Amino acid sequence: MCGKWKKPSQELTQLLDTIVQPYECSQKKMFGSVTYFVNNNMFTGVHEDTIFVRLSEEDRKAIQEEDPDCEHFEPLEGKKMREYMVLSENICRNIPKIEKWLERSFLFTSSLPIKLPKKRKVK
């Protein structure tokens, strides 16, 4: 559970914060770390010592062809988040590649319908 997650990488958190500056997005805390949203849909974030991005099916195939070390984001064992991929260590060391996949993530997520906040149930 949440207590088992490692603290997020400060280096990756600062890097991602810098790279998302040009994008019109909001920031929230999830998975014990910083995540970014467009139209109330999460598109990227830091989890432990990785950056994850939300990608179209075509881009998920492309990123795995480019770097087989990129995997589906699985914040809890057995709970893969289908549209989200973890950027490999090689990509995380290459700013232009992070920017490339972040842009694709932002464009894909921006194309999704605006997600309305869930109404809280009154007990």
C-alpha atoms as a PDB file:
ATOM      1  CA  MET A   1       0.000   0.000   0.000  1.00  0.00           C
ATOM      2  CA  CYS A   2       1.022   3.655   0.231  1.00  0.00           C
ATOM      3  CA  GLY A   3       3.365   2.979   3.166  1.00  0.00           C
ATOM      4  CA  LYS A   4       5.403   0.609   0.993  1.00  0.00           C
ATOM      5  CA  TRP A   5       6.193   3.155  -1.705  1.00  0.00           C
ATOM      6  CA  LYS A   6       9.652   4.666  -1.766  1.00  0.00           C
ATOM      7  CA  LYS A   7       9.911   8.429  -1.503  1.00  0.00           C
ATOM      8  CA  PRO A   8       9.750  10.025  -4.951  1.00  0.00           C
ATOM      9  CA  SER A   9      13.001  11.025  -6.592  1.00  0.00           C
ATOM     10  CA  GLN A  10      13.536  14.733  -5.867  1.00  0.00           C
ATOM     11  CA  GLU A  11      15.689  14.992  -8.994  1.00  0.00           C
ATOM     12  CA  LEU A  12      12.930  13.594 -11.243  1.00  0.00           C
ATOM     13  CA  THR A  13      10.266  15.649  -9.455  1.00  0.00           C
ATOM     14  CA  GLN A  14      12.196  18.868 -10.102  1.00  0.00           C
ATOM     15  CA  LEU A  15      12.986  17.823 -13.671  1.00  0.00           C
ATOM     16  CA  LEU A  16       9.355  17.053 -14.470  1.00  0.00           C
ATOM     17  CA  ASP A  17       8.212  20.283 -12.823  1.00  0.00           C
ATOM     18  CA  THR A  18      10.548  22.200 -15.144  1.00  0.00           C
ATOM     19  CA  ILE A  19       9.553  20.287 -18.288  1.00  0.00           C
ATOM     20  CA  VAL A  20       5.776  20.727 -17.766  1.00  0.00           C
ATOM     21  CA  GLN A  21       6.074  24.533 -17.414  1.00  0.00           C
ATOM     22  CA  PRO A  22       5.005  25.239 -21.036  1.00  0.00           C
ATOM     23  CA  TYR A  23       1.867  23.109 -20.645  1.00  0.00           C
ATOM     24  CA  GLU A  24      -1.427  24.387 -19.332  1.00  0.00           C
ATOM     25  CA  CYS A  25      -1.975  21.821 -16.614  1.00  0.00           C
ATOM     26  CA  SER A  26      -2.695  21.450 -12.928  1.00  0.00           C
ATOM     27  CA  GLN A  27      -0.696  19.672 -10.271  1.00  0.00           C
ATOM     28  CA  LYS A  28      -2.003  17.252  -7.633  1.00  0.00           C
ATOM     29  CA  LYS A  29      -0.454  14.755  -5.278  1.00  0.00           C
ATOM     30  CA  MET A  30      -1.111  11.076  -6.002  1.00  0.00           C
ATOM     31  CA  PHE A  31       0.833   7.886  -5.377  1.00  0.00           C
ATOM     32  CA  GLY A  32       2.770   9.786  -2.735  1.00  0.00           C
ATOM     33  CA  SER A  33       4.177  12.172  -5.316  1.00  0.00           C
ATOM     34  CA  VAL A  34       3.455  14.946  -7.784  1.00  0.00           C
ATOM     35  CA  THR A  35       1.203  14.311 -10.796  1.00  0.00           C
ATOM     36  CA  TYR A  36      -0.029  16.609 -13.556  1.00  0.00           C
ATOM     37  CA  PHE A  37      -3.489  16.848 -15.074  1.00  0.00           C
ATOM     38  CA  VAL A  38      -5.048  18.347 -18.180  1.00  0.00           C
ATOM     39  CA  ASN A  39      -8.862  18.657 -18.314  1.00  0.00           C
ATOM     40  CA  ASN A  40      -8.893  16.839 -14.964  1.00  0.00           C
ATOM     41  CA  ASN A  41      -7.234  13.787 -16.584  1.00  0.00           C
ATOM     42  CA  MET A  42      -3.825  12.695 -15.301  1.00  0.00           C
ATOM     43  CA  PHE A  43      -1.152  12.756 -17.993  1.00  0.00           C
ATOM     44  CA  THR A  44       2.178  12.398 -16.177  1.00  0.00           C
ATOM     45  CA  GLY A  45       3.808  12.165 -12.806  1.00  0.00           C
ATOM     46  CA  VAL A  46       6.642  10.826 -10.713  1.00  0.00           C
ATOM     47  CA  HIS A  47       6.330   7.559  -8.832  1.00  0.00           C
ATOM     48  CA  GLU A  48       9.249   6.470  -6.674  1.00  0.00           C
ATOM     49  CA  ASP A  49      12.251   6.738  -9.032  1.00  0.00           C
ATOM     50  CA  THR A  50      10.392   6.853 -12.349  1.00  0.00           C
ATOM     51  CA  ILE A  51       8.335   9.175 -14.520  1.00  0.00           C
ATOM     52  CA  PHE A  52       5.113   7.817 -16.002  1.00  0.00           C
ATOM     53  CA  VAL A  53       3.112   9.146 -18.957  1.00  0.00           C
ATOM     54  CA  ARG A  54      -0.340   8.452 -20.401  1.00  0.00           C
ATOM     55  CA  LEU A  55      -0.133   7.399 -24.045  1.00  0.00           C
ATOM     56  CA  SER A  56      -2.359   6.289 -26.897  1.00  0.00           C
ATOM     57  CA  GLU A  57      -2.217   2.628 -27.892  1.00  0.00           C
ATOM     58  CA  GLU A  58      -0.095   3.542 -30.917  1.00  0.00           C
ATOM     59  CA  ASP A  59       2.382   5.489 -28.756  1.00  0.00           C
ATOM     60  CA  ARG A  60       2.532   2.702 -26.153  1.00  0.00           C
ATOM     61  CA  LYS A  61       3.658   0.334 -28.906  1.00  0.00           C
ATOM     62  CA  ALA A  62       6.109   2.930 -30.251  1.00  0.00           C
ATOM     63  CA  ILE A  63       7.744   3.607 -26.888  1.00  0.00           C
ATOM     64  CA  GLN A  64       8.254  -0.117 -26.281  1.00  0.00           C
ATOM     65  CA  GLU A  65       9.777  -0.515 -29.743  1.00  0.00           C
ATOM     66  CA  GLU A  66      12.094   2.423 -29.029  1.00  0.00           C
ATOM     67  CA  ASP A  67      13.019   1.139 -25.577  1.00  0.00           C
ATOM     68  CA  PRO A  68      11.877  -2.322 -24.405  1.00  0.00           C
ATOM     69  CA  ASP A  69      12.634  -1.291 -20.796  1.00  0.00           C
ATOM     70  CA  CYS A  70       9.533   0.943 -20.813  1.00  0.00           C
ATOM     71  CA  GLU A  71       6.741  -0.911 -19.010  1.00  0.00           C
ATOM     72  CA  HIS A  72       3.128  -0.390 -18.050  1.00  0.00           C
ATOM     73  CA  PHE A  73       2.744   1.712 -14.924  1.00  0.00           C
ATOM     74  CA  GLU A  74       1.804  -0.545 -11.991  1.00  0.00           C
ATOM     75  CA  PRO A  75       1.633   1.527  -8.775  1.00  0.00           C
ATOM     76  CA  LEU A  76       0.272  -1.485  -6.867  1.00  0.00           C
ATOM     77  CA  GLU A  77       1.278  -5.062  -7.631  1.00  0.00           C
ATOM     78  CA  GLY A  78      -1.224  -6.564 -10.048  1.00  0.00           C
ATOM     79  CA  LYS A  79      -2.876  -3.188 -10.742  1.00  0.00           C
ATOM     80  CA  LYS A  80      -1.521  -2.072 -14.121  1.00  0.00           C
ATOM     81  CA  MET A  81      -2.817   1.248 -15.372  1.00  0.00           C
ATOM     82  CA  ARG A  82      -3.556   0.342 -18.989  1.00  0.00           C
ATOM     83  CA  GLU A  83      -2.809   3.658 -20.741  1.00  0.00           C
ATOM     84  CA  TYR A  84       0.200   4.620 -18.614  1.00  0.00           C
ATOM     85  CA  MET A  85       3.821   3.737 -19.316  1.00  0.00           C
ATOM     86  CA  VAL A  86       6.890   4.146 -17.121  1.00  0.00           C
ATOM     87  CA  LEU A  87       9.779   5.865 -18.874  1.00  0.00           C
ATOM     88  CA  SER A  88      12.936   3.767 -18.794  1.00  0.00           C
ATOM     89  CA  GLU A  89      16.063   4.918 -16.998  1.00  0.00           C
ATOM     90  CA  ASN A  90      17.657   5.581 -20.420  1.00  0.00           C
ATOM     91  CA  ILE A  91      14.828   7.921 -21.418  1.00  0.00           C
ATOM     92  CA  CYS A  92      14.858   9.623 -18.003  1.00  0.00           C
ATOM     93  CA  ARG A  93      18.524  10.534 -18.601  1.00  0.00           C
ATOM     94  CA  ASN A  94      17.730  12.141 -21.970  1.00  0.00           C
ATOM     95  CA  ILE A  95      15.827  15.451 -21.729  1.00  0.00           C
ATOM     96  CA  PRO A  96      14.802  15.583 -25.436  1.00  0.00           C
ATOM     97  CA  LYS A  97      13.337  12.076 -25.174  1.00  0.00           C
ATOM     98  CA  ILE A  98      11.439  12.929 -21.977  1.00  0.00           C
ATOM     99  CA  GLU A  99      10.102  16.040 -23.721  1.00  0.00           C
ATOM    100  CA  LYS A 100       9.064  13.985 -26.760  1.00  0.00           C
ATOM    101  CA  TRP A 101       7.031  11.496 -24.722  1.00  0.00           C
ATOM    102  CA  LEU A 102       5.649  14.161 -22.424  1.00  0.00           C
ATOM    103  CA  GLU A 103       4.363  16.109 -25.423  1.00  0.00           C
ATOM    104  CA  ARG A 104       2.728  12.988 -26.846  1.00  0.00           C
ATOM    105  CA  SER A 105       1.185  12.291 -23.439  1.00  0.00           C
ATOM    106  CA  PHE A 106      -0.141  15.843 -23.150  1.00  0.00           C
ATOM    107  CA  LEU A 107      -1.615  15.790 -26.678  1.00  0.00           C
ATOM    108  CA  PHE A 108      -3.265  12.405 -26.160  1.00  0.00           C
ATOM    109  CA  THR A 109      -4.670  13.285 -22.749  1.00  0.00           C
ATOM    110  CA  SER A 110      -5.852  16.693 -24.019  1.00  0.00           C
ATOM    111  CA  SER A 111      -7.894  14.876 -26.676  1.00  0.00           C
ATOM    112  CA  LEU A 112      -9.859  12.965 -24.019  1.00  0.00           C
ATOM    113  CA  PRO A 113     -13.205  14.226 -22.733  1.00  0.00           C
ATOM    114  CA  ILE A 114     -13.019  16.536 -19.741  1.00  0.00           C
ATOM    115  CA  LYS A 115     -13.274  14.427 -16.616  1.00  0.00           C
ATOM    116  CA  LEU A 116     -15.857  15.765 -14.210  1.00  0.00           C
ATOM    117  CA  PRO A 117     -15.068  15.529 -10.500  1.00  0.00           C
ATOM    118  CA  LYS A 118     -16.828  12.645  -8.768  1.00  0.00           C
ATOM    119  CA  LYS A 119     -19.634  13.604  -6.447  1.00  0.00           C
ATOM    120  CA  ARG A 120     -19.051  12.547  -2.877  1.00  0.00           C
ATOM    121  CA  LYS A 121     -21.685  10.327  -1.358  1.00  0.00           C
ATOM    122  CA  VAL A 122     -23.433  11.811   1.650  1.00  0.00           C
ATOM    123  CA  LYS A 123     -23.831   9.354   4.507  1.00  0.00           C
END
